[in-house]
């Protein structure tokens, strides 16, 4: 049976030996100087040997203390290295991703089963937010950024550009009033996200119906809820094509008009360049790039 000194006493001893001061050791370990002194006294009593020679405002190691310090530091070093190795292996099994909520719900999550099929040893933790990622402050491995450009110093993979077009449910399209031309939207309910108030005016202007306002409107907190409103037949929404391409292909929604608006913004995978060698980051990058390429092909028709 192993008979080991208390860990706190060993930590106090190592810190006091490194600083040659009980006071500075106490400051480092956030305890009182008296607590350090008591730990050392108990350790000396347990070992049956004096570890320090006490002097005014300073302590010096005895020969026995110096010899003991070599062993204690070696043991602490081994524990630290083993802990670091284990921590690294554990972290390599969890990929933390941050992205806008609608992109997560409408595009990424439906595809994740394919990623797990290729990388069964990596779990994915998803955080949704419209705020840009701060890799220095957030515990995030990679992010999907929405905008015109990525921050300098980040690795960047452009996934797909923003293309806008109206969508509705098939059952709404089959009911009156008709939807033959853009001006027919005047008789319908227009849905939109509170975060994207310019989508409808931008598209209507390009379609030559800039004065159309719609019978009334329904406003949602985000685009994901807006698209759900379309599924429920509440009205038409201005959609980002990449995020509804699967629904269009399956027939869950339809696009009554061919006019599209292409904006100078995109969804981009970003992460610090120094993480490019990480197995989990490299694997996710390669996978999401392939998925995005397939989405671009579907958009292009």
Protein backbone atom coordinates (compact mmCIF):
# COMPACT_ATOMS: atom_id res chain seq x y z
CA UNK A 1 0.00 0.00 0.00
CA UNK A 2 1.39 3.40 -1.00
CA UNK A 3 1.97 5.86 1.83
CA UNK A 4 2.09 9.31 0.23
CA UNK A 5 2.36 12.77 1.82
CA UNK A 6 -0.62 15.10 1.30
CA UNK A 7 -0.59 16.70 -2.17
CA UNK A 8 -1.13 20.18 -0.70
CA UNK A 9 1.97 19.77 1.43
CA UNK A 10 4.00 18.73 -1.61
CA UNK A 11 2.73 21.71 -3.59
CA UNK A 12 3.61 24.03 -0.72
CA UNK A 13 7.09 22.51 -0.50
CA UNK A 14 7.76 22.83 -4.25
CA UNK A 15 6.54 26.45 -4.38
CA UNK A 16 8.49 27.47 -1.26
CA UNK A 17 11.64 25.81 -2.62
CA UNK A 18 11.26 27.57 -5.99
CA UNK A 19 10.73 31.00 -4.42
CA UNK A 20 12.96 30.43 -1.34
CA UNK A 21 10.14 32.19 0.46
CA UNK A 22 7.04 31.02 2.33
CA UNK A 23 5.42 34.40 1.64
CA UNK A 24 5.76 34.24 -2.14
CA UNK A 25 4.70 30.59 -2.13
CA UNK A 26 1.56 31.61 -0.22
CA UNK A 27 0.81 34.35 -2.77
CA UNK A 28 1.18 31.90 -5.66
CA UNK A 29 -1.08 29.27 -4.09
CA UNK A 30 -3.60 31.84 -2.78
CA UNK A 31 -3.26 30.76 0.88
CA UNK A 32 -1.80 32.39 3.96
CA UNK A 33 1.88 32.30 4.85
CA UNK A 34 0.92 30.46 8.02
CA UNK A 35 -0.76 27.73 5.96
CA UNK A 36 2.44 27.21 3.96
CA UNK A 37 4.47 27.01 7.17
CA UNK A 38 2.08 24.43 8.65
CA UNK A 39 2.17 22.31 5.48
CA UNK A 40 5.99 22.29 5.55
CA UNK A 41 6.11 21.45 9.26
CA UNK A 42 3.73 18.50 8.78
CA UNK A 43 5.71 17.29 5.78
CA UNK A 44 8.99 17.48 7.72
CA UNK A 45 7.41 15.63 10.63
CA UNK A 46 6.08 12.94 8.29
CA UNK A 47 9.47 12.52 6.59
CA UNK A 48 11.51 12.82 9.75
CA UNK A 49 13.88 15.31 8.15
CA UNK A 50 14.30 19.08 7.97
CA UNK A 51 13.70 20.36 4.46
CA UNK A 52 14.47 24.05 5.00
CA UNK A 53 16.79 26.20 7.00
CA UNK A 54 14.74 29.16 8.20
CA UNK A 55 16.29 32.60 7.97
CA UNK A 56 14.92 36.12 8.27
CA UNK A 57 12.57 36.65 5.27
CA UNK A 58 14.13 33.68 3.47
CA UNK A 59 14.24 29.90 3.62
CA UNK A 60 16.97 27.74 2.14
CA UNK A 61 16.83 24.06 1.26
CA UNK A 62 18.80 21.63 3.34
CA UNK A 63 20.70 18.85 1.54
CA UNK A 64 17.81 16.50 2.29
CA UNK A 65 15.37 19.11 1.00
CA UNK A 66 17.32 19.62 -2.22
CA UNK A 67 17.45 15.88 -2.87
CA UNK A 68 13.74 15.54 -2.13
CA UNK A 69 12.91 18.47 -4.44
CA UNK A 70 14.47 16.66 -7.43
CA UNK A 71 12.12 13.72 -6.92
CA UNK A 72 9.05 15.87 -6.24
CA UNK A 73 9.62 17.99 -9.36
CA UNK A 74 10.15 14.90 -11.47
CA UNK A 75 6.89 13.41 -10.16
CA UNK A 76 4.98 16.66 -10.77
CA UNK A 77 6.46 16.88 -14.26
CA UNK A 78 5.34 13.35 -15.08
CA UNK A 79 1.84 14.02 -13.76
CA UNK A 80 1.65 17.28 -15.74
CA UNK A 81 2.77 15.61 -18.97
CA UNK A 82 0.41 12.66 -18.55
CA UNK A 83 -2.47 15.06 -17.81
CA UNK A 84 -1.62 17.16 -20.85
CA UNK A 85 -1.48 14.11 -23.10
CA UNK A 86 -4.82 12.84 -21.83
CA UNK A 87 -6.39 16.29 -22.10
CA UNK A 88 -5.19 16.61 -25.69
CA UNK A 89 -6.64 13.23 -26.64
CA UNK A 90 -9.96 14.16 -25.04
CA UNK A 91 -10.06 17.55 -26.78
CA UNK A 92 -9.27 15.92 -30.12
CA UNK A 93 -12.53 13.98 -29.79
CA UNK A 94 -14.72 17.10 -29.47
CA UNK A 95 -15.10 19.67 -32.26
CA UNK A 96 -16.76 22.91 -31.19
CA UNK A 97 -18.51 24.77 -34.00
CA UNK A 98 -20.20 28.18 -33.94
CA UNK A 99 -22.53 29.42 -36.69
CA UNK A 100 -25.74 31.39 -37.33
CA UNK A 101 -28.84 29.54 -36.13
CA UNK A 102 -30.58 29.29 -39.53
CA UNK A 103 -27.48 27.93 -41.22
CA UNK A 104 -27.22 25.36 -38.42
CA UNK A 105 -30.86 24.27 -38.55
CA UNK A 106 -31.42 24.40 -42.32
CA UNK A 107 -28.04 23.30 -43.65
CA UNK A 108 -25.43 21.93 -41.25
CA UNK A 109 -27.43 19.71 -38.88
CA UNK A 110 -29.21 17.74 -41.64
CA UNK A 111 -25.76 16.80 -43.00
CA UNK A 112 -23.97 15.92 -39.76
CA UNK A 113 -24.78 12.21 -39.98
CA UNK A 114 -22.49 12.04 -43.00
CA UNK A 115 -19.67 13.68 -41.06
CA UNK A 116 -20.08 11.20 -38.19
CA UNK A 117 -20.01 8.38 -40.71
CA UNK A 118 -16.59 9.56 -41.89
CA UNK A 119 -15.27 10.64 -38.47
CA UNK A 120 -16.98 8.40 -35.89
CA UNK A 121 -14.42 9.28 -33.21
CA UNK A 122 -15.20 13.02 -33.27
CA UNK A 123 -18.20 14.51 -31.47
CA UNK A 124 -19.57 17.87 -32.57
CA UNK A 125 -20.76 20.57 -30.19
CA UNK A 126 -22.77 23.30 -31.90
CA UNK A 127 -23.22 26.86 -30.65
CA UNK A 128 -25.55 29.19 -32.56
CA UNK A 129 -25.16 32.96 -32.63
CA UNK A 130 -25.37 35.86 -35.05
CA UNK A 131 -22.34 37.48 -33.39
CA UNK A 132 -18.92 37.05 -35.02
CA UNK A 133 -16.66 34.51 -33.32
CA UNK A 134 -13.79 35.67 -31.11
CA UNK A 135 -11.33 32.79 -31.10
CA UNK A 136 -9.18 34.48 -28.44
CA UNK A 137 -12.03 34.57 -25.93
CA UNK A 138 -14.37 31.77 -26.95
CA UNK A 139 -13.81 28.03 -26.63
CA UNK A 140 -14.57 27.43 -30.32
CA UNK A 141 -12.57 25.36 -32.81
CA UNK A 142 -14.15 26.49 -36.09
CA UNK A 143 -16.95 28.82 -37.10
CA UNK A 144 -19.18 29.51 -40.08
CA UNK A 145 -18.97 33.26 -40.67
CA UNK A 146 -21.58 35.22 -42.61
CA UNK A 147 -20.35 38.38 -44.30
CA UNK A 148 -18.27 39.90 -47.07
CA UNK A 149 -14.86 38.86 -45.83
CA UNK A 150 -13.21 36.94 -43.03
CA UNK A 151 -10.99 38.52 -40.40
CA UNK A 152 -7.31 38.68 -41.29
CA UNK A 153 -5.19 35.89 -39.87
CA UNK A 154 -7.91 33.26 -40.17
CA UNK A 155 -8.01 30.31 -42.52
CA UNK A 156 -11.07 30.74 -44.74
CA UNK A 157 -13.11 28.44 -46.99
CA UNK A 158 -15.93 30.15 -48.90
CA UNK A 159 -18.87 27.76 -48.66
CA UNK A 160 -21.65 29.39 -50.69
CA UNK A 161 -22.78 32.87 -51.69
CA UNK A 162 -26.08 34.46 -50.78
CA UNK A 163 -28.77 34.12 -53.45
CA UNK A 164 -32.29 35.34 -52.62
CA UNK A 165 -35.59 34.18 -54.09
CA UNK A 166 -39.19 33.89 -52.84
CA UNK A 167 -40.51 30.51 -51.67
CA UNK A 168 -43.87 29.21 -50.53
CA UNK A 169 -45.57 25.92 -49.75
CA UNK A 170 -47.10 23.93 -52.64
CA UNK A 171 -50.54 24.15 -51.05
CA UNK A 172 -50.37 27.96 -50.95
CA UNK A 173 -49.36 28.07 -54.60
CA UNK A 174 -52.41 25.97 -55.47
CA UNK A 175 -54.85 28.35 -53.74
CA UNK A 176 -56.13 31.77 -54.86
CA UNK A 177 -55.12 34.48 -55.30
CA UNK A 178 -52.82 33.40 -58.14
CA UNK A 179 -49.03 33.81 -58.20
CA UNK A 180 -48.28 34.25 -61.89
CA UNK A 181 -46.20 37.44 -61.76
CA UNK A 182 -44.37 39.40 -59.02
CA UNK A 183 -47.16 41.98 -58.73
CA UNK A 184 -49.50 39.17 -57.62
CA UNK A 185 -47.60 39.25 -54.30
CA UNK A 186 -49.74 42.26 -53.39
CA UNK A 187 -52.52 39.85 -52.49
CA UNK A 188 -50.41 37.58 -50.28
CA UNK A 189 -48.88 37.57 -46.82
CA UNK A 190 -45.13 38.24 -46.90
CA UNK A 191 -43.02 36.64 -44.18
CA UNK A 192 -39.59 37.86 -43.12
CA UNK A 193 -37.05 37.84 -40.32
CA UNK A 194 -36.68 40.92 -38.17
CA UNK A 195 -32.94 40.66 -38.91
CA UNK A 196 -33.44 40.88 -42.68
CA UNK A 197 -35.85 43.77 -43.38
CA UNK A 198 -34.34 44.62 -46.79
CA UNK A 199 -34.69 41.22 -48.47
CA UNK A 200 -38.20 41.73 -49.83
CA UNK A 201 -37.69 45.35 -50.98
CA UNK A 202 -34.42 44.36 -52.69
CA UNK A 203 -36.00 41.47 -54.57
CA UNK A 204 -39.20 43.34 -55.46
CA UNK A 205 -37.17 46.20 -56.91
CA UNK A 206 -35.24 43.84 -59.16
CA UNK A 207 -38.45 42.07 -60.18
CA UNK A 208 -40.00 45.38 -61.26
CA UNK A 209 -42.55 45.43 -58.45
CA UNK A 210 -40.93 47.83 -56.03
CA UNK A 211 -44.24 49.41 -55.03
CA UNK A 212 -45.74 46.08 -53.88
CA UNK A 213 -46.07 45.80 -50.11
CA UNK A 214 -48.18 42.66 -49.73
CA UNK A 215 -51.56 42.21 -48.14
CA UNK A 216 -49.93 42.12 -44.72
CA UNK A 217 -46.73 40.76 -43.22
CA UNK A 218 -45.61 38.38 -40.51
CA UNK A 219 -42.29 39.12 -38.82
CA UNK A 220 -40.22 36.46 -37.06
CA UNK A 221 -37.19 36.60 -34.80
CA UNK A 222 -34.98 34.72 -37.26
CA UNK A 223 -35.02 33.16 -40.70
CA UNK A 224 -35.38 29.64 -39.33
CA UNK A 225 -38.79 30.55 -37.89
CA UNK A 226 -39.66 32.38 -41.10
CA UNK A 227 -39.01 29.24 -43.16
CA UNK A 228 -41.12 27.22 -40.74
CA UNK A 229 -43.94 29.69 -41.34
CA UNK A 230 -43.62 28.92 -45.06
CA UNK A 231 -43.92 25.18 -44.34
CA UNK A 232 -47.12 25.88 -42.43
CA UNK A 233 -48.58 27.77 -45.40
CA UNK A 234 -48.66 31.15 -43.66
CA UNK A 235 -47.30 33.04 -46.66
CA UNK A 236 -44.25 33.59 -48.83
CA UNK A 237 -40.73 34.22 -47.55
CA UNK A 238 -37.61 35.62 -49.15
CA UNK A 239 -35.17 32.74 -48.75
CA UNK A 240 -31.42 32.27 -48.97
CA UNK A 241 -31.30 29.66 -51.69
CA UNK A 242 -28.49 27.57 -50.19
CA UNK A 243 -30.47 27.13 -46.98
CA UNK A 244 -33.62 25.88 -48.71
CA UNK A 245 -32.10 23.98 -51.65
CA UNK A 246 -32.88 20.62 -50.03
CA UNK A 247 -36.52 21.63 -49.41
CA UNK A 248 -36.90 22.78 -53.01
CA UNK A 249 -35.44 19.52 -54.30
CA UNK A 250 -37.79 17.47 -52.12
CA UNK A 251 -40.85 19.55 -53.04
CA UNK A 252 -41.52 20.69 -49.47
CA UNK A 253 -41.39 24.26 -50.78
CA UNK A 254 -41.58 25.78 -54.26
CA UNK A 255 -40.19 28.90 -55.92
CA UNK A 256 -43.01 30.62 -57.85
CA UNK A 257 -40.67 33.06 -59.65
CA UNK A 258 -37.31 32.65 -61.36
CA UNK A 259 -35.90 36.07 -60.49
CA UNK A 260 -32.93 35.84 -58.12
CA UNK A 261 -30.88 38.44 -56.26
CA UNK A 262 -27.19 37.64 -55.81
CA UNK A 263 -25.58 39.57 -52.96
CA UNK A 264 -21.91 40.14 -52.23
CA UNK A 265 -21.97 38.16 -48.99
CA UNK A 266 -21.30 34.51 -48.26
CA UNK A 267 -21.07 31.83 -45.62
CA UNK A 268 -17.44 30.97 -44.89
CA UNK A 269 -15.71 28.40 -42.71
CA UNK A 270 -13.09 30.17 -40.58
CA UNK A 271 -10.57 29.15 -37.92
CA UNK A 272 -7.09 30.24 -36.74
CA UNK A 273 -4.44 29.20 -39.24
CA UNK A 274 -2.39 27.42 -36.58
CA UNK A 275 -5.22 24.90 -36.15
CA UNK A 276 -4.97 23.69 -39.75
CA UNK A 277 -2.81 20.74 -38.64
CA UNK A 278 -5.41 19.56 -36.09
CA UNK A 279 -6.91 16.25 -37.21
CA UNK A 280 -10.43 17.18 -36.19
CA UNK A 281 -10.28 20.63 -37.80
CA UNK A 282 -8.71 19.33 -41.02
CA UNK A 283 -11.28 16.53 -41.22
CA UNK A 284 -14.20 18.90 -40.70
CA UNK A 285 -12.79 21.39 -43.22
CA UNK A 286 -12.44 18.75 -45.92
CA UNK A 287 -15.93 17.39 -45.25
CA UNK A 288 -17.79 20.72 -45.14
CA UNK A 289 -16.00 21.90 -48.30
CA UNK A 290 -17.39 18.86 -50.17
CA UNK A 291 -20.88 19.43 -48.79
CA UNK A 292 -20.77 23.10 -49.77
CA UNK A 293 -19.60 22.21 -53.28
CA UNK A 294 -22.63 19.92 -53.66
CA UNK A 295 -24.90 22.75 -52.49
CA UNK A 296 -23.36 25.15 -55.01
CA UNK A 297 -23.97 22.65 -57.79
CA UNK A 298 -27.60 22.28 -56.71
CA UNK A 299 -28.05 26.07 -56.69
CA UNK A 300 -26.53 26.40 -60.13
CA UNK A 301 -29.03 23.85 -61.39
